[in-house]
Amino acid sequence: MKDINEILDAIKDKSIEELKSEFKGLLKEASGDSLDFVKKSAASTVRWLSLKAEGQLSEEEVKSLLEAKKKEALVFMNTQSIVARARIQKLVCRLLDIAVNSLLSAL
């Protein structure tokens, strides 16, 4: 499986440079988060984008997976403390939004 940095660096669309940078930062933060859900969500996002970049999943399949993960995150947030909810919103939901709305179509 390709490294996510390789995949993102291969996207040459200048209009999403800032989003790629934000995505990398969120991914790094989410990967080291204390909440297991946040770490697993980040790992799933990377895996699905990698599979799309390798042609093993279609754009529609990845979009469906990412949107389902976001719904799962919103449900999970309701069971967490206010501080944890804010982290999930900032890390997981934003990470998934960038992936669905910008990166996916550029792969």
Protein backbone atom coordinates (compact mmCIF):
# COMPACT_ATOMS: atom_id res chain seq x y z
CA MET A 1 0.00 0.00 0.00
CA LYS A 2 1.31 3.45 -0.92
CA ASP A 3 2.34 5.94 1.74
CA ILE A 4 -0.25 8.69 2.23
CA ASN A 5 2.40 11.40 1.75
CA GLU A 6 3.28 9.93 -1.66
CA ILE A 7 -0.38 9.88 -2.59
CA LEU A 8 -0.98 13.47 -1.49
CA ASP A 9 2.24 14.71 -3.12
CA ALA A 10 1.12 13.16 -6.41
CA ILE A 11 -1.91 15.47 -6.45
CA LYS A 12 -0.73 18.46 -8.48
CA ASP A 13 -3.90 20.57 -8.20
CA LYS A 14 -2.62 23.86 -6.72
CA SER A 15 -6.11 24.85 -5.56
CA ILE A 16 -6.03 22.22 -2.81
CA GLU A 17 -2.47 22.72 -1.54
CA GLU A 18 -3.68 24.25 1.74
CA LEU A 19 -6.18 21.43 2.25
CA LYS A 20 -3.48 18.82 1.66
CA SER A 21 -1.34 20.52 4.28
CA GLU A 22 -4.25 20.74 6.72
CA PHE A 23 -5.10 17.08 6.06
CA LYS A 24 -1.51 16.00 6.82
CA GLY A 25 -1.53 17.97 10.07
CA LEU A 26 -4.88 16.56 11.16
CA LEU A 27 -3.77 13.07 10.24
CA LYS A 28 -0.60 13.38 12.31
CA GLU A 29 -2.56 14.70 15.29
CA ALA A 30 -5.32 12.08 14.96
CA SER A 31 -2.81 9.24 14.66
CA GLY A 32 -1.36 10.15 18.05
CA ASP A 33 -4.64 10.88 19.80
CA SER A 34 -5.51 9.16 23.07
CA LEU A 35 -8.98 8.15 21.83
CA ASP A 36 -8.82 4.82 20.02
CA PHE A 37 -11.78 5.83 17.83
CA VAL A 38 -9.86 8.85 16.53
CA LYS A 39 -6.74 6.78 15.72
CA LYS A 40 -8.75 4.06 13.99
CA SER A 41 -10.73 6.61 11.99
CA ALA A 42 -7.52 8.21 10.75
CA ALA A 43 -6.09 4.80 9.81
CA SER A 44 -9.28 3.85 7.95
CA THR A 45 -9.25 7.12 6.03
CA VAL A 46 -5.64 6.56 4.95
CA ARG A 47 -6.34 2.96 3.95
CA TRP A 48 -9.37 3.88 1.84
CA LEU A 49 -7.60 6.76 0.08
CA SER A 50 -4.64 4.46 -0.60
CA LEU A 51 -6.90 1.80 -2.09
CA LYS A 52 -8.52 4.45 -4.29
CA ALA A 53 -5.11 5.70 -5.44
CA GLU A 54 -4.13 2.11 -6.32
CA GLY A 55 -7.36 1.58 -8.25
CA GLN A 56 -8.70 -1.08 -5.90
CA LEU A 57 -11.72 1.01 -4.85
CA SER A 58 -13.80 3.39 -6.92
CA GLU A 59 -14.40 7.01 -5.97
CA GLU A 60 -18.02 6.16 -5.14
CA GLU A 61 -17.01 3.26 -2.89
CA VAL A 62 -14.53 5.41 -0.96
CA LYS A 63 -17.02 8.26 -0.68
CA SER A 64 -19.57 5.84 0.77
CA LEU A 65 -17.05 4.49 3.30
CA LEU A 66 -15.95 7.99 4.36
CA GLU A 67 -19.51 9.24 4.73
CA ALA A 68 -20.43 6.17 6.81
CA LYS A 69 -17.41 6.80 9.04
CA LYS A 70 -18.51 10.41 9.54
CA LYS A 71 -22.00 9.25 10.59
CA GLU A 72 -20.34 6.82 13.00
CA ALA A 73 -18.22 9.68 14.38
CA LEU A 74 -21.27 11.85 14.97
CA VAL A 75 -23.00 9.05 16.88
CA PHE A 76 -19.84 8.30 18.87
CA MET A 77 -19.47 11.98 19.76
CA ASN A 78 -22.79 11.87 21.59
CA THR A 79 -21.38 9.34 24.06
CA GLN A 80 -18.30 11.40 24.90
CA SER A 81 -17.41 14.31 27.17
CA ILE A 82 -17.48 17.83 25.79
CA VAL A 83 -13.68 17.89 25.46
CA ALA A 84 -13.64 14.58 23.58
CA ARG A 85 -16.48 15.75 21.33
CA ALA A 86 -14.50 18.82 20.35
CA ARG A 87 -11.46 16.67 19.48
CA ILE A 88 -13.56 14.27 17.42
CA GLN A 89 -15.21 17.17 15.59
CA LYS A 90 -11.86 18.85 14.93
CA LEU A 91 -9.90 15.77 13.96
CA VAL A 92 -12.16 13.06 12.60
CA CYS A 93 -14.98 15.06 11.05
CA ARG A 94 -12.67 17.65 9.46
CA LEU A 95 -10.30 14.93 8.21
CA LEU A 96 -13.22 13.10 6.59
CA ASP A 97 -14.66 16.31 5.12
CA ILE A 98 -11.36 17.17 3.42
CA ALA A 99 -11.03 13.61 2.11
CA VAL A 100 -14.57 13.50 0.69
CA ASN A 101 -14.88 17.05 -0.61
CA SER A 102 -11.39 17.69 -2.01
CA LEU A 103 -8.87 14.87 -2.04
CA LEU A 104 -10.99 12.01 -3.30
CA SER A 105 -11.82 13.55 -6.66
CA ALA A 106 -8.20 14.60 -7.16
CA LEU A 107 -6.81 11.06 -6.76
